[in-house]
Amino acid sequence: MTGQRVSLRPFETEDIKELQRWSNDPVSILLVGRAPQAYEQIERQIMSKRQKGDLLLAIENEENKLIGWVFLKDIEHEHGRAGIGILLAPEARGQGYGKEAMKAMIKIGFDQLRLHKIYLTTRGLNEQAIALYKKIGFVIEGKLREHAFCDGQYYDTYYMGMLKSEWQISNKS
């Protein structure tokens, strides 16, 4: 799938080294709340996601450079729902790539997979991501107060979701 500035393609084993670099970035560690990971740990996670049927796509910019990944996880066709996640390379953040990649993946989820709902969780300290998700059309459905501990402090976790009907209204051509 190709957008104006990004294209999505299947996430390949060769991409794991870059995913490891992005995941181990200090800002990513703070925002996602995960300890640094070895290549083998990430490789096992990717294999597990594939076995569960998660949709893993690499994000490339207009120069065909790998700049991130976006995924639909826990796809439950019987309930018409899936979780979504994204991680961009530190140097690609804040430039609109994430918004375009998320919208492309949401379109796949609603149009091709015929999902009814796409949801996500994010930490309250990730204000930039929350603002982006709201712009795309996600709404806050719940908040777990002081749910995550990182860097000596507790943070809220937000549950956000979007229904297909909301997507269709906000993305009429």
N, C-alpha and C. Protein backbone atom coordinates (compact mmCIF):
# COMPACT_ATOMS: atom_id res chain seq x y z
N MET A 1 0.85 -1.17 0.00
CA MET A 1 0.00 0.00 0.00
C MET A 1 0.89 1.23 0.00
N THR A 2 0.57 2.20 -0.83
CA THR A 2 1.38 3.39 -0.96
C THR A 2 0.55 4.62 -0.67
N GLY A 3 1.11 5.53 0.13
CA GLY A 3 0.49 6.82 0.41
C GLY A 3 1.25 7.90 -0.32
N GLN A 4 1.07 9.14 0.10
CA GLN A 4 1.77 10.24 -0.55
C GLN A 4 3.26 10.20 -0.25
N ARG A 5 3.61 9.93 1.02
CA ARG A 5 5.02 9.97 1.42
C ARG A 5 5.54 8.66 1.96
N VAL A 6 4.65 7.72 2.27
CA VAL A 6 5.11 6.43 2.80
C VAL A 6 4.52 5.30 1.98
N SER A 7 5.20 4.19 2.03
CA SER A 7 4.65 2.96 1.47
C SER A 7 4.81 1.87 2.52
N LEU A 8 3.86 0.95 2.52
CA LEU A 8 3.88 -0.17 3.45
C LEU A 8 4.18 -1.43 2.65
N ARG A 9 5.04 -2.27 3.22
CA ARG A 9 5.37 -3.55 2.61
C ARG A 9 5.51 -4.57 3.72
N PRO A 10 5.50 -5.85 3.38
CA PRO A 10 5.67 -6.87 4.43
C PRO A 10 6.97 -6.65 5.21
N PHE A 11 6.88 -6.82 6.52
CA PHE A 11 8.04 -6.71 7.39
C PHE A 11 8.87 -7.98 7.23
N GLU A 12 10.14 -7.81 6.89
CA GLU A 12 11.03 -8.93 6.59
C GLU A 12 12.02 -9.19 7.74
N THR A 13 12.56 -10.38 7.76
CA THR A 13 13.56 -10.73 8.78
C THR A 13 14.74 -9.76 8.73
N GLU A 14 15.10 -9.30 7.56
CA GLU A 14 16.22 -8.37 7.42
C GLU A 14 15.95 -7.02 8.10
N ASP A 15 14.69 -6.73 8.39
CA ASP A 15 14.31 -5.46 9.02
C ASP A 15 14.47 -5.48 10.53
N ILE A 16 14.69 -6.65 11.11
CA ILE A 16 14.71 -6.77 12.58
C ILE A 16 15.83 -5.95 13.19
N LYS A 17 16.98 -5.87 12.54
CA LYS A 17 18.11 -5.12 13.10
C LYS A 17 17.72 -3.65 13.30
N GLU A 18 17.02 -3.08 12.34
CA GLU A 18 16.57 -1.69 12.49
C GLU A 18 15.51 -1.57 13.58
N LEU A 19 14.59 -2.54 13.63
CA LEU A 19 13.57 -2.53 14.68
C LEU A 19 14.23 -2.58 16.05
N GLN A 20 15.27 -3.35 16.17
CA GLN A 20 15.99 -3.41 17.44
C GLN A 20 16.58 -2.04 17.79
N ARG A 21 17.15 -1.36 16.81
CA ARG A 21 17.73 -0.03 17.05
C ARG A 21 16.65 0.94 17.52
N TRP A 22 15.50 0.94 16.83
CA TRP A 22 14.42 1.86 17.21
C TRP A 22 13.87 1.52 18.59
N SER A 23 13.69 0.22 18.86
CA SER A 23 13.12 -0.22 20.14
C SER A 23 14.04 0.12 21.31
N ASN A 24 15.34 0.10 21.08
CA ASN A 24 16.30 0.36 22.14
C ASN A 24 16.68 1.82 22.27
N ASP A 25 16.07 2.68 21.48
CA ASP A 25 16.25 4.11 21.62
C ASP A 25 15.71 4.54 22.98
N PRO A 26 16.42 5.40 23.72
CA PRO A 26 15.97 5.78 25.06
C PRO A 26 14.55 6.37 25.10
N VAL A 27 14.18 7.14 24.11
CA VAL A 27 12.82 7.71 24.08
C VAL A 27 11.80 6.60 23.89
N SER A 28 12.08 5.67 23.00
CA SER A 28 11.17 4.53 22.78
C SER A 28 11.00 3.72 24.06
N ILE A 29 12.09 3.49 24.76
CA ILE A 29 12.03 2.72 26.00
C ILE A 29 11.12 3.41 27.00
N LEU A 30 11.24 4.72 27.11
CA LEU A 30 10.39 5.47 28.04
C LEU A 30 8.92 5.43 27.61
N LEU A 31 8.67 5.66 26.33
CA LEU A 31 7.29 5.75 25.86
C LEU A 31 6.58 4.40 25.81
N VAL A 32 7.32 3.36 25.48
CA VAL A 32 6.72 2.03 25.37
C VAL A 32 6.80 1.28 26.70
N GLY A 33 7.81 1.59 27.48
CA GLY A 33 7.94 0.96 28.79
C GLY A 33 8.53 -0.42 28.75
N ARG A 34 9.48 -0.60 27.90
CA ARG A 34 10.10 -1.91 27.73
C ARG A 34 11.61 -1.76 27.94
N ALA A 35 12.22 -2.77 28.52
CA ALA A 35 13.67 -2.77 28.69
C ALA A 35 14.34 -2.98 27.34
N PRO A 36 15.60 -2.57 27.20
CA PRO A 36 16.31 -2.86 25.95
C PRO A 36 16.27 -4.34 25.63
N GLN A 37 16.21 -4.66 24.34
CA GLN A 37 16.07 -6.05 23.92
C GLN A 37 17.17 -6.46 22.96
N ALA A 38 17.59 -7.70 23.11
CA ALA A 38 18.58 -8.29 22.20
C ALA A 38 17.89 -8.65 20.88
N TYR A 39 18.68 -8.79 19.85
CA TYR A 39 18.17 -9.16 18.53
C TYR A 39 17.33 -10.44 18.61
N GLU A 40 17.83 -11.44 19.33
CA GLU A 40 17.15 -12.73 19.42
C GLU A 40 15.77 -12.61 20.07
N GLN A 41 15.64 -11.72 21.07
CA GLN A 41 14.34 -11.51 21.72
C GLN A 41 13.34 -10.94 20.72
N ILE A 42 13.77 -9.97 19.97
CA ILE A 42 12.88 -9.33 18.99
C ILE A 42 12.53 -10.32 17.89
N GLU A 43 13.50 -11.11 17.47
CA GLU A 43 13.26 -12.12 16.45
C GLU A 43 12.18 -13.11 16.90
N ARG A 44 12.27 -13.55 18.16
CA ARG A 44 11.26 -14.46 18.71
C ARG A 44 9.88 -13.79 18.77
N GLN A 45 9.85 -12.52 19.13
CA GLN A 45 8.58 -11.79 19.18
C GLN A 45 7.95 -11.69 17.80
N ILE A 46 8.77 -11.43 16.80
CA ILE A 46 8.27 -11.33 15.42
C ILE A 46 7.70 -12.68 14.99
N MET A 47 8.43 -13.75 15.27
CA MET A 47 7.96 -15.09 14.90
C MET A 47 6.63 -15.40 15.60
N SER A 48 6.53 -15.05 16.86
CA SER A 48 5.30 -15.29 17.61
C SER A 48 4.13 -14.49 17.03
N LYS A 49 4.38 -13.24 16.68
CA LYS A 49 3.33 -12.40 16.08
C LYS A 49 2.86 -13.00 14.75
N ARG A 50 3.80 -13.46 13.96
CA ARG A 50 3.43 -14.06 12.68
C ARG A 50 2.61 -15.33 12.87
N GLN A 51 3.01 -16.14 13.84
CA GLN A 51 2.27 -17.39 14.11
C GLN A 51 0.84 -17.10 14.58
N LYS A 52 0.65 -15.99 15.29
CA LYS A 52 -0.69 -15.62 15.76
C LYS A 52 -1.53 -14.97 14.66
N GLY A 53 -0.91 -14.66 13.53
CA GLY A 53 -1.65 -14.06 12.43
C GLY A 53 -1.66 -12.54 12.45
N ASP A 54 -0.78 -11.92 13.22
CA ASP A 54 -0.69 -10.47 13.22
C ASP A 54 -0.19 -9.98 11.86
N LEU A 55 -0.64 -8.82 11.46
CA LEU A 55 -0.23 -8.21 10.19
C LEU A 55 0.89 -7.22 10.48
N LEU A 56 2.10 -7.54 10.03
CA LEU A 56 3.30 -6.74 10.30
C LEU A 56 3.77 -6.10 9.01
N LEU A 57 3.80 -4.78 8.97
CA LEU A 57 4.23 -4.08 7.76
C LEU A 57 5.35 -3.09 8.07
N ALA A 58 6.31 -3.04 7.18
CA ALA A 58 7.40 -2.08 7.27
C ALA A 58 6.93 -0.77 6.63
N ILE A 59 7.44 0.33 7.16
CA ILE A 59 7.13 1.66 6.62
C ILE A 59 8.38 2.18 5.93
N GLU A 60 8.24 2.57 4.68
CA GLU A 60 9.34 3.18 3.94
C GLU A 60 8.95 4.60 3.54
N ASN A 61 9.93 5.49 3.55
CA ASN A 61 9.66 6.88 3.15
C ASN A 61 9.76 7.02 1.63
N GLU A 62 9.68 8.25 1.17
CA GLU A 62 9.68 8.51 -0.27
C GLU A 62 10.99 8.12 -0.96
N GLU A 63 12.08 7.94 -0.20
CA GLU A 63 13.35 7.46 -0.75
C GLU A 63 13.50 5.95 -0.61
N ASN A 64 12.41 5.26 -0.27
CA ASN A 64 12.40 3.81 -0.04
C ASN A 64 13.32 3.39 1.11
N LYS A 65 13.50 4.29 2.07
CA LYS A 65 14.30 3.98 3.26
C LYS A 65 13.36 3.48 4.35
N LEU A 66 13.74 2.40 5.00
CA LEU A 66 12.98 1.84 6.10
C LEU A 66 12.99 2.82 7.27
N ILE A 67 11.79 3.25 7.71
CA ILE A 67 11.71 4.24 8.79
C ILE A 67 10.82 3.80 9.95
N GLY A 68 10.23 2.61 9.85
CA GLY A 68 9.39 2.17 10.96
C GLY A 68 8.61 0.92 10.62
N TRP A 69 7.73 0.57 11.56
CA TRP A 69 6.82 -0.55 11.32
C TRP A 69 5.49 -0.23 11.95
N VAL A 70 4.46 -0.79 11.38
CA VAL A 70 3.10 -0.64 11.87
C VAL A 70 2.46 -2.03 11.82
N PHE A 71 1.60 -2.32 12.79
CA PHE A 71 1.05 -3.67 12.82
C PHE A 71 -0.37 -3.68 13.37
N LEU A 72 -1.11 -4.69 12.93
CA LEU A 72 -2.39 -5.03 13.53
C LEU A 72 -2.16 -6.32 14.29
N LYS A 73 -2.54 -6.33 15.55
CA LYS A 73 -2.29 -7.49 16.41
C LYS A 73 -3.60 -7.98 17.02
N ASP A 74 -3.54 -9.20 17.52
CA ASP A 74 -4.72 -9.78 18.17
C ASP A 74 -5.97 -9.63 17.31
N ILE A 75 -5.83 -9.95 16.05
CA ILE A 75 -6.94 -9.82 15.10
C ILE A 75 -7.98 -10.88 15.44
N GLU A 76 -9.17 -10.42 15.77
CA GLU A 76 -10.27 -11.32 16.13
C GLU A 76 -11.41 -11.10 15.14
N HIS A 77 -11.44 -11.92 14.11
CA HIS A 77 -12.45 -11.76 13.06
C HIS A 77 -13.86 -11.97 13.60
N GLU A 78 -14.03 -12.89 14.56
CA GLU A 78 -15.37 -13.15 15.08
C GLU A 78 -15.96 -11.94 15.82
N HIS A 79 -15.09 -11.08 16.35
CA HIS A 79 -15.55 -9.87 17.02
C HIS A 79 -15.30 -8.62 16.17
N GLY A 80 -14.59 -8.79 15.05
CA GLY A 80 -14.32 -7.67 14.16
C GLY A 80 -13.41 -6.61 14.76
N ARG A 81 -12.40 -7.05 15.48
CA ARG A 81 -11.52 -6.07 16.13
C ARG A 81 -10.07 -6.49 16.07
N ALA A 82 -9.20 -5.49 16.21
CA ALA A 82 -7.75 -5.72 16.27
C ALA A 82 -7.10 -4.52 16.95
N GLY A 83 -5.95 -4.78 17.55
CA GLY A 83 -5.14 -3.71 18.11
C GLY A 83 -4.18 -3.20 17.05
N ILE A 84 -3.77 -1.96 17.18
CA ILE A 84 -2.81 -1.38 16.23
C ILE A 84 -1.63 -0.82 17.01
N GLY A 85 -0.47 -0.87 16.40
CA GLY A 85 0.73 -0.31 17.00
C GLY A 85 1.66 0.21 15.93
N ILE A 86 2.53 1.12 16.32
CA ILE A 86 3.48 1.71 15.38
C ILE A 86 4.75 2.08 16.14
N LEU A 87 5.87 1.99 15.46
CA LEU A 87 7.13 2.48 16.00
C LEU A 87 7.92 3.05 14.84
N LEU A 88 8.34 4.30 14.99
CA LEU A 88 9.15 4.96 13.96
C LEU A 88 10.59 5.09 14.42
N ALA A 89 11.48 5.13 13.46
CA ALA A 89 12.88 5.44 13.74
C ALA A 89 12.94 6.83 14.38
N PRO A 90 13.83 7.03 15.34
CA PRO A 90 13.91 8.34 16.00
C PRO A 90 14.02 9.51 15.01
N GLU A 91 14.78 9.30 13.95
CA GLU A 91 15.00 10.39 12.99
C GLU A 91 13.78 10.65 12.10
N ALA A 92 12.78 9.78 12.14
CA ALA A 92 11.59 9.94 11.31
C ALA A 92 10.39 10.50 12.08
N ARG A 93 10.54 10.67 13.38
CA ARG A 93 9.43 11.12 14.21
C ARG A 93 9.15 12.61 14.02
N GLY A 94 7.89 12.97 14.18
CA GLY A 94 7.50 14.38 14.12
C GLY A 94 7.45 14.96 12.72
N GLN A 95 7.42 14.12 11.69
CA GLN A 95 7.42 14.60 10.31
C GLN A 95 6.18 14.19 9.53
N GLY A 96 5.20 13.61 10.20
CA GLY A 96 3.97 13.23 9.53
C GLY A 96 3.95 11.81 8.98
N TYR A 97 5.06 11.11 9.07
CA TYR A 97 5.10 9.74 8.55
C TYR A 97 4.19 8.81 9.36
N GLY A 98 4.18 8.99 10.67
CA GLY A 98 3.37 8.14 11.52
C GLY A 98 1.89 8.27 11.22
N LYS A 99 1.44 9.48 11.03
CA LYS A 99 0.03 9.71 10.73
C LYS A 99 -0.36 9.02 9.42
N GLU A 100 0.46 9.19 8.41
CA GLU A 100 0.15 8.59 7.11
C GLU A 100 0.19 7.06 7.18
N ALA A 101 1.17 6.51 7.88
CA ALA A 101 1.28 5.05 7.99
C ALA A 101 0.11 4.48 8.80
N MET A 102 -0.26 5.15 9.88
CA MET A 102 -1.40 4.69 10.69
C MET A 102 -2.68 4.70 9.86
N LYS A 103 -2.90 5.77 9.11
CA LYS A 103 -4.11 5.86 8.30
C LYS A 103 -4.15 4.76 7.24
N ALA A 104 -3.00 4.46 6.66
CA ALA A 104 -2.94 3.40 5.65
C ALA A 104 -3.25 2.04 6.28
N MET A 105 -2.72 1.79 7.47
CA MET A 105 -2.98 0.51 8.14
C MET A 105 -4.44 0.42 8.59
N ILE A 106 -4.99 1.51 9.07
CA ILE A 106 -6.41 1.52 9.47
C ILE A 106 -7.29 1.22 8.26
N LYS A 107 -6.94 1.79 7.13
CA LYS A 107 -7.70 1.53 5.90
C LYS A 107 -7.65 0.04 5.55
N ILE A 108 -6.49 -0.57 5.68
CA ILE A 108 -6.38 -2.02 5.45
C ILE A 108 -7.28 -2.77 6.42
N GLY A 109 -7.22 -2.39 7.69
CA GLY A 109 -8.03 -3.07 8.70
C GLY A 109 -9.51 -2.99 8.42
N PHE A 110 -10.00 -1.81 8.09
CA PHE A 110 -11.43 -1.66 7.87
C PHE A 110 -11.88 -2.14 6.49
N ASP A 111 -11.10 -1.85 5.46
CA ASP A 111 -11.52 -2.19 4.09
C ASP A 111 -11.21 -3.62 3.69
N GLN A 112 -9.99 -4.09 3.98
CA GLN A 112 -9.60 -5.43 3.53
C GLN A 112 -9.92 -6.52 4.55
N LEU A 113 -9.68 -6.23 5.82
CA LEU A 113 -9.94 -7.24 6.86
C LEU A 113 -11.37 -7.15 7.39
N ARG A 114 -12.09 -6.13 6.97
CA ARG A 114 -13.49 -5.93 7.35
C ARG A 114 -13.69 -5.87 8.87
N LEU A 115 -12.75 -5.19 9.53
CA LEU A 115 -12.88 -5.02 10.97
C LEU A 115 -13.97 -4.01 11.30
N HIS A 116 -14.50 -4.12 12.49
CA HIS A 116 -15.50 -3.18 12.99
C HIS A 116 -14.85 -2.13 13.89
N LYS A 117 -13.76 -2.53 14.58
CA LYS A 117 -13.10 -1.65 15.54
C LYS A 117 -11.59 -1.89 15.54
N ILE A 118 -10.85 -0.80 15.68
CA ILE A 118 -9.40 -0.86 15.86
C ILE A 118 -9.09 -0.08 17.14
N TYR A 119 -8.26 -0.66 17.98
CA TYR A 119 -7.98 -0.04 19.28
C TYR A 119 -6.48 -0.03 19.56
N LEU A 120 -6.09 0.71 20.57
CA LEU A 120 -4.69 0.79 20.98
C LEU A 120 -4.62 1.17 22.44
N THR A 121 -3.44 1.01 23.01
CA THR A 121 -3.14 1.54 24.34
C THR A 121 -1.89 2.40 24.21
N THR A 122 -1.83 3.42 25.05
CA THR A 122 -0.66 4.29 25.07
C THR A 122 -0.50 4.89 26.45
N ARG A 123 0.70 5.21 26.78
CA ARG A 123 0.98 5.85 28.07
C ARG A 123 0.59 7.32 28.02
N GLY A 124 0.12 7.81 29.15
CA GLY A 124 -0.28 9.21 29.23
C GLY A 124 0.85 10.18 28.98
N LEU A 125 2.07 9.78 29.24
CA LEU A 125 3.20 10.69 29.00
C LEU A 125 3.49 10.87 27.51
N ASN A 126 2.93 10.02 26.67
CA ASN A 126 3.17 10.10 25.23
C ASN A 126 2.15 11.05 24.60
N GLU A 127 2.22 12.32 25.00
CA GLU A 127 1.24 13.32 24.59
C GLU A 127 1.21 13.52 23.08
N GLN A 128 2.37 13.44 22.44
CA GLN A 128 2.44 13.61 20.99
C GLN A 128 1.65 12.51 20.29
N ALA A 129 1.79 11.28 20.76
CA ALA A 129 1.06 10.16 20.15
C ALA A 129 -0.44 10.29 20.40
N ILE A 130 -0.82 10.67 21.61
CA ILE A 130 -2.24 10.82 21.92
C ILE A 130 -2.87 11.87 21.01
N ALA A 131 -2.18 12.98 20.82
CA ALA A 131 -2.69 14.03 19.92
C ALA A 131 -2.82 13.50 18.49
N LEU A 132 -1.84 12.75 18.03
CA LEU A 132 -1.90 12.15 16.70
C LEU A 132 -3.09 11.21 16.59
N TYR A 133 -3.25 10.33 17.55
CA TYR A 133 -4.34 9.36 17.50
C TYR A 133 -5.70 10.06 17.46
N LYS A 134 -5.83 11.13 18.22
CA LYS A 134 -7.09 11.90 18.22
C LYS A 134 -7.33 12.53 16.85
N LYS A 135 -6.28 13.08 16.24
CA LYS A 135 -6.41 13.68 14.90
C LYS A 135 -6.86 12.64 13.88
N ILE A 136 -6.37 11.44 14.01
CA ILE A 136 -6.74 10.37 13.08
C ILE A 136 -8.19 9.94 13.29
N GLY A 137 -8.69 10.09 14.52
CA GLY A 137 -10.08 9.73 14.79
C GLY A 137 -10.30 8.80 15.96
N PHE A 138 -9.23 8.43 16.67
CA PHE A 138 -9.38 7.60 17.86
C PHE A 138 -9.97 8.44 18.99
N VAL A 139 -10.73 7.79 19.84
CA VAL A 139 -11.27 8.45 21.03
C VAL A 139 -10.79 7.69 22.26
N ILE A 140 -10.62 8.42 23.35
CA ILE A 140 -10.23 7.78 24.60
C ILE A 140 -11.43 7.04 25.15
N GLU A 141 -11.27 5.75 25.36
CA GLU A 141 -12.35 4.91 25.88
C GLU A 141 -12.16 4.61 27.36
N GLY A 142 -10.96 4.79 27.86
CA GLY A 142 -10.71 4.52 29.26
C GLY A 142 -9.31 4.91 29.67
N LYS A 143 -9.14 5.02 30.97
CA LYS A 143 -7.83 5.38 31.51
C LYS A 143 -7.57 4.52 32.73
N LEU A 144 -6.41 3.89 32.76
CA LEU A 144 -5.96 3.17 33.94
C LEU A 144 -4.98 4.09 34.66
N ARG A 145 -5.38 4.53 35.82
CA ARG A 145 -4.59 5.51 36.56
C ARG A 145 -3.32 4.90 37.12
N GLU A 146 -2.20 5.60 36.95
CA GLU A 146 -0.89 5.18 37.45
C GLU A 146 -0.66 3.69 37.24
N HIS A 147 -0.87 3.28 36.02
CA HIS A 147 -0.85 1.86 35.64
C HIS A 147 0.55 1.36 35.29
N ALA A 148 1.43 2.25 34.87
CA ALA A 148 2.76 1.85 34.41
C ALA A 148 3.83 2.60 35.21
N PHE A 149 4.88 1.88 35.57
CA PHE A 149 5.98 2.47 36.32
C PHE A 149 7.21 2.51 35.43
N CYS A 150 7.79 3.68 35.28
CA CYS A 150 8.98 3.82 34.45
C CYS A 150 9.78 5.03 34.91
N ASP A 151 11.07 4.86 34.95
CA ASP A 151 11.97 5.97 35.27
C ASP A 151 11.60 6.62 36.60
N GLY A 152 11.24 5.78 37.59
CA GLY A 152 10.95 6.27 38.92
C GLY A 152 9.60 6.94 39.11
N GLN A 153 8.70 6.77 38.15
CA GLN A 153 7.42 7.47 38.22
C GLN A 153 6.30 6.58 37.66
N TYR A 154 5.08 6.77 38.17
CA TYR A 154 3.92 6.06 37.66
C TYR A 154 3.24 6.91 36.59
N TYR A 155 2.72 6.23 35.56
CA TYR A 155 2.04 6.90 34.46
C TYR A 155 0.70 6.23 34.19
N ASP A 156 -0.25 7.05 33.75
CA ASP A 156 -1.55 6.53 33.33
C ASP A 156 -1.40 5.81 31.99
N THR A 157 -2.27 4.87 31.74
CA THR A 157 -2.36 4.20 30.45
C THR A 157 -3.74 4.48 29.88
N TYR A 158 -3.79 4.88 28.62
CA TYR A 158 -5.05 5.19 27.96
C TYR A 158 -5.42 4.08 26.97
N TYR A 159 -6.69 3.75 26.96
CA TYR A 159 -7.27 2.89 25.93
C TYR A 159 -7.99 3.79 24.95
N MET A 160 -7.67 3.62 23.67
CA MET A 160 -8.29 4.43 22.63
C MET A 160 -8.84 3.50 21.56
N GLY A 161 -9.93 3.90 20.93
CA GLY A 161 -10.52 3.06 19.91
C GLY A 161 -11.17 3.88 18.81
N MET A 162 -11.42 3.22 17.70
CA MET A 162 -12.10 3.82 16.56
C MET A 162 -12.98 2.75 15.92
N LEU A 163 -14.23 3.15 15.63
CA LEU A 163 -15.15 2.26 14.93
C LEU A 163 -15.09 2.52 13.44
N LYS A 164 -15.42 1.52 12.66
CA LYS A 164 -15.41 1.67 11.21
C LYS A 164 -16.33 2.80 10.78
N SER A 165 -17.49 2.93 11.41
CA SER A 165 -18.44 4.00 11.05
C SER A 165 -17.82 5.38 11.29
N GLU A 166 -17.05 5.53 12.34
CA GLU A 166 -16.38 6.81 12.63
C GLU A 166 -15.30 7.09 11.58
N TRP A 167 -14.57 6.05 11.20
CA TRP A 167 -13.54 6.18 10.17
C TRP A 167 -14.16 6.62 8.85
N GLN A 168 -15.26 5.99 8.48
CA GLN A 168 -15.92 6.31 7.21
C GLN A 168 -16.39 7.75 7.18
N ILE A 169 -16.92 8.24 8.28
CA ILE A 169 -17.40 9.63 8.33
C ILE A 169 -16.23 10.60 8.22
N SER A 170 -15.14 10.34 8.95
CA SER A 170 -14.02 11.28 8.97
C SER A 170 -13.11 11.16 7.76
N ASN A 171 -13.29 10.13 6.93
CA ASN A 171 -12.41 9.94 5.77
C ASN A 171 -13.16 9.87 4.45
N LYS A 172 -14.28 10.58 4.38
CA LYS A 172 -15.01 10.64 3.11
C LYS A 172 -14.17 11.38 2.10
N SER A 173 -14.14 10.87 0.89
CA SER A 173 -13.34 11.52 -0.17
C SER A 173 -14.16 12.56 -0.87
